[in-house]
PDB file of N, CA and C in Angstrom:
ATOM      1  N   MET A   1      -1.756 -11.600  11.746  1.00  0.00           N
ATOM      2  CA  MET A   1      -2.909 -10.966  11.171  1.00  0.00           C
ATOM      3  C   MET A   1      -3.170  -9.589  11.697  1.00  0.00           C
ATOM      4  N   ALA A   2      -2.905  -9.470  13.033  1.00  0.00           N
ATOM      5  CA  ALA A   2      -3.139  -8.163  13.731  1.00  0.00           C
ATOM      6  C   ALA A   2      -2.130  -7.060  13.192  1.00  0.00           C
ATOM      7  N   ILE A   3      -0.902  -7.518  12.997  1.00  0.00           N
ATOM      8  CA  ILE A   3       0.198  -6.565  12.541  1.00  0.00           C
ATOM      9  C   ILE A   3      -0.177  -6.077  11.146  1.00  0.00           C
ATOM     10  N   LEU A   4      -0.617  -6.991  10.240  1.00  0.00           N
ATOM     11  CA  LEU A   4      -1.026  -6.602   8.895  1.00  0.00           C
ATOM     12  C   LEU A   4      -2.217  -5.701   8.982  1.00  0.00           C
ATOM     13  N   SER A   5      -3.134  -5.988   9.768  1.00  0.00           N
ATOM     14  CA  SER A   5      -4.354  -5.129   9.887  1.00  0.00           C
ATOM     15  C   SER A   5      -3.999  -3.764  10.352  1.00  0.00           C
ATOM     16  N   GLU A   6      -3.150  -3.713  11.404  1.00  0.00           N
ATOM     17  CA  GLU A   6      -2.707  -2.441  11.936  1.00  0.00           C
ATOM     18  C   GLU A   6      -1.938  -1.591  10.924  1.00  0.00           C
ATOM     19  N   ASN A   7      -1.136  -2.205  10.195  1.00  0.00           N
ATOM     20  CA  ASN A   7      -0.340  -1.516   9.098  1.00  0.00           C
ATOM     21  C   ASN A   7      -1.246  -1.029   8.012  1.00  0.00           C
ATOM     22  N   LEU A   8      -2.260  -1.840   7.669  1.00  0.00           N
ATOM     23  CA  LEU A   8      -3.176  -1.421   6.620  1.00  0.00           C
ATOM     24  C   LEU A   8      -4.021  -0.175   7.180  1.00  0.00           C
ATOM     25  N   GLN A   9      -4.379  -0.227   8.407  1.00  0.00           N
ATOM     26  CA  GLN A   9      -5.147   0.845   8.944  1.00  0.00           C
ATOM     27  C   GLN A   9      -4.339   2.100   8.934  1.00  0.00           C
ATOM     28  N   SER A  10      -3.085   2.054   9.293  1.00  0.00           N
ATOM     29  CA  SER A  10      -2.129   3.202   9.302  1.00  0.00           C
ATOM     30  C   SER A  10      -1.998   3.730   7.816  1.00  0.00           C
ATOM     31  N   PHE A  11      -1.802   2.831   6.923  1.00  0.00           N
ATOM     32  CA  PHE A  11      -1.664   3.107   5.485  1.00  0.00           C
ATOM     33  C   PHE A  11      -2.928   3.832   4.949  1.00  0.00           C
ATOM     34  N   LEU A  12      -4.111   3.314   5.214  1.00  0.00           N
ATOM     35  CA  LEU A  12      -5.309   3.891   4.762  1.00  0.00           C
ATOM     36  C   LEU A  12      -5.573   5.344   5.404  1.00  0.00           C
ATOM     37  N   LEU A  13      -5.209   5.471   6.659  1.00  0.00           N
ATOM     38  CA  LEU A  13      -5.462   6.735   7.324  1.00  0.00           C
ATOM     39  C   LEU A  13      -4.576   7.801   6.713  1.00  0.00           C
ATOM     40  N   ALA A  14      -3.286   7.419   6.476  1.00  0.00           N
ATOM     41  CA  ALA A  14      -2.347   8.335   5.855  1.00  0.00           C
ATOM     42  C   ALA A  14      -2.803   8.721   4.457  1.00  0.00           C
ATOM     43  N   ALA A  15      -3.209   7.734   3.698  1.00  0.00           N
ATOM     44  CA  ALA A  15      -3.707   7.973   2.333  1.00  0.00           C
ATOM     45  C   ALA A  15      -4.896   8.825   2.353  1.00  0.00           C
ATOM     46  N   GLU A  16      -5.860   8.590   3.206  1.00  0.00           N
ATOM     47  CA  GLU A  16      -7.060   9.434   3.233  1.00  0.00           C
ATOM     48  C   GLU A  16      -6.777  10.897   3.588  1.00  0.00           C
ATOM     49  N   GLN A  17      -5.680  11.108   4.408  1.00  0.00           N
ATOM     50  CA  GLN A  17      -5.281  12.415   4.881  1.00  0.00           C
ATOM     51  C   GLN A  17      -4.297  12.987   3.869  1.00  0.00           C
ATOM     52  N   GLY A  18      -3.966  12.307   2.771  1.00  0.00           N
ATOM     53  CA  GLY A  18      -3.054  12.807   1.740  1.00  0.00           C
ATOM     54  C   GLY A  18      -1.660  12.845   2.239  1.00  0.00           C
ATOM     55  N   GLU A  19      -1.266  12.089   3.234  1.00  0.00           N
ATOM     56  CA  GLU A  19       0.063  12.077   3.767  1.00  0.00           C
ATOM     57  C   GLU A  19       0.941  11.064   3.104  1.00  0.00           C
ATOM     58  N   TRP A  20       1.166  11.236   1.742  1.00  0.00           N
ATOM     59  CA  TRP A  20       1.924  10.213   0.939  1.00  0.00           C
ATOM     60  C   TRP A  20       3.348  10.070   1.371  1.00  0.00           C
ATOM     61  N   ASP A  21       3.922  11.077   1.952  1.00  0.00           N
ATOM     62  CA  ASP A  21       5.356  10.939   2.498  1.00  0.00           C
ATOM     63  C   ASP A  21       5.358  10.052   3.674  1.00  0.00           C
ATOM     64  N   ARG A  22       4.291  10.101   4.500  1.00  0.00           N
ATOM     65  CA  ARG A  22       4.196   9.138   5.632  1.00  0.00           C
ATOM     66  C   ARG A  22       4.060   7.694   5.198  1.00  0.00           C
ATOM     67  N   ILE A  23       3.313   7.528   4.091  1.00  0.00           N
ATOM     68  CA  ILE A  23       3.179   6.165   3.525  1.00  0.00           C
ATOM     69  C   ILE A  23       4.526   5.635   3.088  1.00  0.00           C
ATOM     70  N   SER A  24       5.323   6.470   2.534  1.00  0.00           N
ATOM     71  CA  SER A  24       6.627   6.025   2.122  1.00  0.00           C
ATOM     72  C   SER A  24       7.388   5.527   3.374  1.00  0.00           C
ATOM     73  N   ASP A  25       7.277   6.288   4.490  1.00  0.00           N
ATOM     74  CA  ASP A  25       7.920   5.911   5.720  1.00  0.00           C
ATOM     75  C   ASP A  25       7.367   4.609   6.299  1.00  0.00           C
ATOM     76  N   LEU A  26       6.117   4.336   6.033  1.00  0.00           N
ATOM     77  CA  LEU A  26       5.485   3.119   6.534  1.00  0.00           C
ATOM     78  C   LEU A  26       5.679   1.901   5.659  1.00  0.00           C
ATOM     79  N   SER A  27       6.234   2.070   4.464  1.00  0.00           N
ATOM     80  CA  SER A  27       6.298   1.088   3.542  1.00  0.00           C
ATOM     81  C   SER A  27       7.115  -0.203   4.003  1.00  0.00           C
ATOM     82  N   GLU A  28       8.224   0.111   4.651  1.00  0.00           N
ATOM     83  CA  GLU A  28       8.999  -1.022   5.171  1.00  0.00           C
ATOM     84  C   GLU A  28       8.242  -1.918   6.143  1.00  0.00           C
ATOM     85  N   GLN A  29       7.596  -1.246   7.065  1.00  0.00           N
ATOM     86  CA  GLN A  29       6.739  -2.049   8.077  1.00  0.00           C
ATOM     87  C   GLN A  29       5.667  -2.796   7.285  1.00  0.00           C
ATOM     88  N   PHE A  30       5.030  -2.166   6.394  1.00  0.00           N
ATOM     89  CA  PHE A  30       3.914  -2.759   5.624  1.00  0.00           C
ATOM     90  C   PHE A  30       4.408  -4.002   4.879  1.00  0.00           C
ATOM     91  N   LEU A  31       5.588  -3.873   4.130  1.00  0.00           N
ATOM     92  CA  LEU A  31       6.132  -4.939   3.444  1.00  0.00           C
ATOM     93  C   LEU A  31       6.574  -6.111   4.285  1.00  0.00           C
ATOM     94  N   SER A  32       7.080  -5.817   5.441  1.00  0.00           N
ATOM     95  CA  SER A  32       7.436  -6.868   6.424  1.00  0.00           C
ATOM     96  C   SER A  32       6.163  -7.588   6.872  1.00  0.00           C
ATOM     97  N   ALA A  33       5.099  -6.851   7.067  1.00  0.00           N
ATOM     98  CA  ALA A  33       3.857  -7.517   7.493  1.00  0.00           C
ATOM     99  C   ALA A  33       3.315  -8.434   6.393  1.00  0.00           C
ATOM    100  N   LEU A  34       3.424  -7.957   5.205  1.00  0.00           N
ATOM    101  CA  LEU A  34       2.939  -8.778   4.025  1.00  0.00           C
ATOM    102  C   LEU A  34       3.792 -10.041   3.842  1.00  0.00           C
ATOM    103  N   GLU A  35       5.115  -9.882   4.098  1.00  0.00           N
ATOM    104  CA  GLU A  35       6.008 -11.050   4.018  1.00  0.00           C
ATOM    105  C   GLU A  35       5.692 -12.063   5.082  1.00  0.00           C
ATOM    106  N   ALA A  36       5.376 -11.583   6.293  1.00  0.00           N
ATOM    107  CA  ALA A  36       4.970 -12.489   7.312  1.00  0.00           C
ATOM    108  C   ALA A  36       3.671 -13.183   6.988  1.00  0.00           C
ATOM    109  N   ALA A  37       2.772 -12.533   6.352  1.00  0.00           N
ATOM    110  CA  ALA A  37       1.500 -13.122   5.961  1.00  0.00           C
ATOM    111  C   ALA A  37       1.679 -14.248   4.959  1.00  0.00           C
ATOM    112  N   LYS A  38       2.755 -14.165   4.173  1.00  0.00           N
ATOM    113  CA  LYS A  38       2.997 -15.177   3.156  1.00  0.00           C
ATOM    114  C   LYS A  38       3.610 -16.483   3.687  1.00  0.00           C
ATOM    115  N   LYS A  39       4.087 -16.433   4.902  1.00  0.00           N
ATOM    116  CA  LYS A  39       4.757 -17.571   5.433  1.00  0.00           C
ATOM    117  C   LYS A  39       3.691 -18.693   5.833  1.00  0.00           C
ATOM    118  N   ALA A  40       4.176 -19.911   5.791  1.00  0.00           N
ATOM    119  CA  ALA A  40       3.320 -21.075   5.939  1.00  0.00           C
ATOM    120  C   ALA A  40       2.632 -21.088   7.287  1.00  0.00           C
ATOM    121  N   ASN A  41       3.238 -20.680   8.401  1.00  0.00           N
ATOM    122  CA  ASN A  41       2.629 -20.735   9.703  1.00  0.00           C
ATOM    123  C   ASN A  41       1.407 -19.780   9.717  1.00  0.00           C
ATOM    124  N   PHE A  42       1.479 -18.721   8.961  1.00  0.00           N
ATOM    125  CA  PHE A  42       0.327 -17.754   8.875  1.00  0.00           C
ATOM    126  C   PHE A  42      -0.860 -18.527   8.290  1.00  0.00           C
ATOM    127  N   LEU A  43      -0.600 -19.232   7.228  1.00  0.00           N
ATOM    128  CA  LEU A  43      -1.699 -19.899   6.533  1.00  0.00           C
ATOM    129  C   LEU A  43      -2.308 -21.022   7.381  1.00  0.00           C
ATOM    130  N   THR A  44      -1.462 -21.671   8.199  1.00  0.00           N
ATOM    131  CA  THR A  44      -1.969 -22.717   9.084  1.00  0.00           C
ATOM    132  C   THR A  44      -2.819 -22.135  10.208  1.00  0.00           C
ATOM    133  N   ASN A  45      -2.459 -20.979  10.581  1.00  0.00           N
ATOM    134  CA  ASN A  45      -3.229 -20.304  11.760  1.00  0.00           C
ATOM    135  C   ASN A  45      -4.476 -19.562  11.258  1.00  0.00           C
ATOM    136  N   ILE A  46      -4.580 -19.467   9.933  1.00  0.00           N
ATOM    137  CA  ILE A  46      -5.723 -18.730   9.388  1.00  0.00           C
ATOM    138  C   ILE A  46      -7.148 -19.360   9.789  1.00  0.00           C
ATOM    139  N   ALA A  47      -7.063 -20.679  10.045  1.00  0.00           N
ATOM    140  CA  ALA A  47      -8.266 -21.369  10.407  1.00  0.00           C
ATOM    141  C   ALA A  47      -8.855 -20.835  11.672  1.00  0.00           C
ATOM    142  N   SER A  48      -7.979 -20.336  12.562  1.00  0.00           N
ATOM    143  CA  SER A  48      -8.404 -19.744  13.836  1.00  0.00           C
ATOM    144  C   SER A  48      -8.986 -18.321  13.742  1.00  0.00           C
ATOM    145  N   ILE A  49      -8.833 -17.801  12.610  1.00  0.00           N
ATOM    146  CA  ILE A  49      -9.303 -16.408  12.348  1.00  0.00           C
ATOM    147  C   ILE A  49     -10.771 -16.470  11.820  1.00  0.00           C
ATOM    148  N   ASN A  50     -11.575 -15.667  12.297  1.00  0.00           N
ATOM    149  CA  ASN A  50     -12.965 -15.730  11.819  1.00  0.00           C
ATOM    150  C   ASN A  50     -13.152 -15.102  10.471  1.00  0.00           C
ATOM    151  N   HIS A  51     -14.157 -15.454   9.836  1.00  0.00           N
ATOM    152  CA  HIS A  51     -14.442 -15.029   8.444  1.00  0.00           C
ATOM    153  C   HIS A  51     -14.554 -13.495   8.392  1.00  0.00           C
ATOM    154  N   ARG A  52     -15.105 -12.861   9.386  1.00  0.00           N
ATOM    155  CA  ARG A  52     -15.273 -11.395   9.390  1.00  0.00           C
ATOM    156  C   ARG A  52     -13.896 -10.642   9.404  1.00  0.00           C
ATOM    157  N   GLU A  53     -12.922 -11.202  10.173  1.00  0.00           N
ATOM    158  CA  GLU A  53     -11.638 -10.664  10.223  1.00  0.00           C
ATOM    159  C   GLU A  53     -10.914 -10.722   8.828  1.00  0.00           C
ATOM    160  N   ILE A  54     -11.032 -11.891   8.230  1.00  0.00           N
ATOM    161  CA  ILE A  54     -10.469 -12.022   6.926  1.00  0.00           C
ATOM    162  C   ILE A  54     -11.117 -11.070   5.915  1.00  0.00           C
ATOM    163  N   GLN A  55     -12.467 -10.965   5.918  1.00  0.00           N
ATOM    164  CA  GLN A  55     -13.192 -10.086   5.032  1.00  0.00           C
ATOM    165  C   GLN A  55     -12.730  -8.656   5.199  1.00  0.00           C
ATOM    166  N   ASN A  56     -12.562  -8.264   6.482  1.00  0.00           N
ATOM    167  CA  ASN A  56     -12.143  -6.872   6.805  1.00  0.00           C
ATOM    168  C   ASN A  56     -10.739  -6.611   6.201  1.00  0.00           C
ATOM    169  N   LEU A  57      -9.893  -7.611   6.374  1.00  0.00           N
ATOM    170  CA  LEU A  57      -8.537  -7.452   5.850  1.00  0.00           C
ATOM    171  C   LEU A  57      -8.559  -7.323   4.334  1.00  0.00           C
ATOM    172  N   LEU A  58      -9.339  -8.182   3.656  1.00  0.00           N
ATOM    173  CA  LEU A  58      -9.473  -8.075   2.222  1.00  0.00           C
ATOM    174  C   LEU A  58     -10.072  -6.709   1.758  1.00  0.00           C
ATOM    175  N   THR A  59     -11.016  -6.262   2.513  1.00  0.00           N
ATOM    176  CA  THR A  59     -11.632  -4.936   2.181  1.00  0.00           C
ATOM    177  C   THR A  59     -10.597  -3.850   2.384  1.00  0.00           C
ATOM    178  N   MET A  60      -9.744  -3.876   3.422  1.00  0.00           N
ATOM    179  CA  MET A  60      -8.686  -2.904   3.557  1.00  0.00           C
ATOM    180  C   MET A  60      -7.712  -2.994   2.508  1.00  0.00           C
ATOM    181  N   LEU A  61      -7.359  -4.203   2.105  1.00  0.00           N
ATOM    182  CA  LEU A  61      -6.348  -4.371   0.962  1.00  0.00           C
ATOM    183  C   LEU A  61      -6.916  -3.754  -0.256  1.00  0.00           C
ATOM    184  N   GLN A  62      -8.153  -4.003  -0.601  1.00  0.00           N
ATOM    185  CA  GLN A  62      -8.812  -3.430  -1.768  1.00  0.00           C
ATOM    186  C   GLN A  62      -8.852  -1.884  -1.734  1.00  0.00           C
ATOM    187  N   SER A  63      -9.113  -1.328  -0.562  1.00  0.00           N
ATOM    188  CA  SER A  63      -9.123   0.138  -0.390  1.00  0.00           C
ATOM    189  C   SER A  63      -7.717   0.656  -0.570  1.00  0.00           C
ATOM    190  N   ALA A  64      -6.692  -0.045  -0.082  1.00  0.00           N
ATOM    191  CA  ALA A  64      -5.303   0.439  -0.253  1.00  0.00           C
ATOM    192  C   ALA A  64      -4.927   0.429  -1.705  1.00  0.00           C
ATOM    193  N   ILE A  65      -5.364  -0.612  -2.450  1.00  0.00           N
ATOM    194  CA  ILE A  65      -5.120  -0.661  -3.893  1.00  0.00           C
ATOM    195  C   ILE A  65      -5.745   0.450  -4.631  1.00  0.00           C
ATOM    196  N   GLU A  66      -7.036   0.767  -4.259  1.00  0.00           N
ATOM    197  CA  GLU A  66      -7.787   1.852  -4.894  1.00  0.00           C
ATOM    198  C   GLU A  66      -7.103   3.237  -4.621  1.00  0.00           C
ATOM    199  N   GLN A  67      -6.700   3.384  -3.325  1.00  0.00           N
ATOM    200  CA  GLN A  67      -6.033   4.694  -2.993  1.00  0.00           C
ATOM    201  C   GLN A  67      -4.749   4.864  -3.745  1.00  0.00           C
ATOM    202  N   CYS A  68      -3.948   3.779  -3.878  1.00  0.00           N
ATOM    203  CA  CYS A  68      -2.685   3.842  -4.671  1.00  0.00           C
ATOM    204  C   CYS A  68      -3.002   4.120  -6.113  1.00  0.00           C
ATOM    205  N   SER A  69      -3.980   3.479  -6.580  1.00  0.00           N
ATOM    206  CA  SER A  69      -4.395   3.710  -8.053  1.00  0.00           C
ATOM    207  C   SER A  69      -4.739   5.154  -8.319  1.00  0.00           C
ATOM    208  N   ILE A  70      -5.559   5.747  -7.393  1.00  0.00           N
ATOM    209  CA  ILE A  70      -5.994   7.141  -7.516  1.00  0.00           C
ATOM    210  C   ILE A  70      -4.784   8.015  -7.489  1.00  0.00           C
ATOM    211  N   ARG A  71      -3.847   7.747  -6.551  1.00  0.00           N
ATOM    212  CA  ARG A  71      -2.643   8.553  -6.360  1.00  0.00           C
ATOM    213  C   ARG A  71      -1.773   8.481  -7.673  1.00  0.00           C
ATOM    214  N   LYS A  72      -1.630   7.303  -8.160  1.00  0.00           N
ATOM    215  CA  LYS A  72      -0.878   7.045  -9.402  1.00  0.00           C
ATOM    216  C   LYS A  72      -1.429   7.840 -10.536  1.00  0.00           C
ATOM    217  N   TYR A  73      -2.732   7.875 -10.655  1.00  0.00           N
ATOM    218  CA  TYR A  73      -3.481   8.661 -11.675  1.00  0.00           C
ATOM    219  C   TYR A  73      -3.223  10.152 -11.485  1.00  0.00           C
ATOM    220  N   GLN A  74      -3.193  10.586 -10.247  1.00  0.00           N
ATOM    221  CA  GLN A  74      -3.028  11.974  -9.961  1.00  0.00           C
ATOM    222  C   GLN A  74      -1.613  12.519 -10.215  1.00  0.00           C
ATOM    223  N   ILE A  75      -0.572  11.675  -9.989  1.00  0.00           N
ATOM    224  CA  ILE A  75       0.768  12.143 -10.248  1.00  0.00           C
ATOM    225  C   ILE A  75       1.356  11.743 -11.585  1.00  0.00           C
ATOM    226  N   ALA A  76       0.538  10.948 -12.313  1.00  0.00           N
ATOM    227  CA  ALA A  76       1.105  10.565 -13.682  1.00  0.00           C
ATOM    228  C   ALA A  76       1.453  11.765 -14.585  1.00  0.00           C
ATOM    229  N   PRO A  77       0.672  12.856 -14.637  1.00  0.00           N
ATOM    230  CA  PRO A  77       1.091  13.970 -15.455  1.00  0.00           C
ATOM    231  C   PRO A  77       2.313  14.575 -14.984  1.00  0.00           C
ATOM    232  N   LEU A  78       2.639  14.708 -13.654  1.00  0.00           N
ATOM    233  CA  LEU A  78       3.859  15.257 -13.110  1.00  0.00           C
ATOM    234  C   LEU A  78       5.072  14.328 -13.503  1.00  0.00           C
ATOM    235  N   ILE A  79       4.856  13.060 -13.470  1.00  0.00           N
ATOM    236  CA  ILE A  79       5.933  12.128 -13.854  1.00  0.00           C
ATOM    237  C   ILE A  79       6.240  12.248 -15.335  1.00  0.00           C
ATOM    238  N   LYS A  80       5.181  12.390 -16.081  1.00  0.00           N
ATOM    239  CA  LYS A  80       5.365  12.536 -17.542  1.00  0.00           C
ATOM    240  C   LYS A  80       6.088  13.889 -17.890  1.00  0.00           C
ATOM    241  N   ALA A  81       5.790  14.978 -17.134  1.00  0.00           N
ATOM    242  CA  ALA A  81       6.444  16.205 -17.352  1.00  0.00           C
ATOM    243  C   ALA A  81       7.882  16.153 -17.031  1.00  0.00           C
ATOM    244  N   PHE A  82       8.256  15.416 -15.918  1.00  0.00           N
ATOM    245  CA  PHE A  82       9.628  15.275 -15.597  1.00  0.00           C
ATOM    246  C   PHE A  82      10.413  14.465 -16.619  1.00  0.00           C
ATOM    247  N   ALA A  83       9.761  13.428 -17.140  1.00  0.00           N
ATOM    248  CA  ALA A  83      10.344  12.594 -18.101  1.00  0.00           C
ATOM    249  C   ALA A  83      10.608  13.338 -19.375  1.00  0.00           C
ATOM    250  N   ILE A  84       9.714  14.245 -19.779  1.00  0.00           N
ATOM    251  CA  ILE A  84       9.903  15.014 -20.981  1.00  0.00           C
ATOM    252  C   ILE A  84      11.000  16.079 -20.735  1.00  0.00           C
ATOM    253  N   ALA A  85      10.981  16.724 -19.532  1.00  0.00           N
ATOM    254  CA  ALA A  85      12.071  17.601 -19.254  1.00  0.00           C
ATOM    255  C   ALA A  85      13.450  16.925 -19.266  1.00  0.00           C
ATOM    256  N   LYS A  86      13.518  15.692 -18.702  1.00  0.00           N
ATOM    257  CA  LYS A  86      14.812  14.966 -18.728  1.00  0.00           C
ATOM    258  C   LYS A  86      15.235  14.692 -20.128  1.00  0.00           C
ATOM    259  N   ASP A  87      14.229  14.240 -20.958  1.00  0.00           N
ATOM    260  CA  ASP A  87      14.586  13.915 -22.377  1.00  0.00           C
ATOM    261  C   ASP A  87      15.092  15.206 -23.095  1.00  0.00           C
ATOM    262  N   VAL A  88      14.439  16.264 -22.880  1.00  0.00           N
ATOM    263  CA  VAL A  88      14.872  17.599 -23.578  1.00  0.00           C
ATOM    264  C   VAL A  88      16.228  17.963 -23.064  1.00  0.00           C
ATOM    265  N   SER A  89      16.456  17.830 -21.737  1.00  0.00           N
ATOM    266  CA  SER A  89      17.810  18.259 -21.215  1.00  0.00           C
ATOM    267  C   SER A  89      18.955  17.338 -21.677  1.00  0.00           C
ATOM    268  N   ASN A  90      18.563  16.104 -22.111  1.00  0.00           N
ATOM    269  CA  ASN A  90      19.594  15.173 -22.579  1.00  0.00           C
ATOM    270  C   ASN A  90      19.818  15.287 -24.124  1.00  0.00           C
ATOM    271  N   THR A  91      18.995  16.062 -24.787  1.00  0.00           N
ATOM    272  CA  THR A  91      19.112  16.226 -26.210  1.00  0.00           C
ATOM    273  C   THR A  91      20.330  17.142 -26.498  1.00  0.00           C
ATOM    274  N   PRO A  92      21.220  16.716 -27.413  1.00  0.00           N
ATOM    275  CA  PRO A  92      22.420  17.612 -27.744  1.00  0.00           C
ATOM    276  C   PRO A  92      22.042  18.776 -28.563  1.00  0.00           C
TER     277      PRO A  92
END
């Protein structure tokens, strides 16, 4: 739980500071922490974690989702422009 929380905090800090390249660098660590959270022993140990810690983790996950959604919305026009340029350059 602590590793997932630490990774989420790093993710959120980088997102709030607009350091999306850093988030890309953190993605492997973050995905490893999420995979660890899916394992059965994590779920059996969750009973020892207090409700506040779980709520904080869920709040951070929601914030991360929101930050990614905002970023996706921000870069969507750029991606569309590149797709159009690619299509035009492939036209005979």
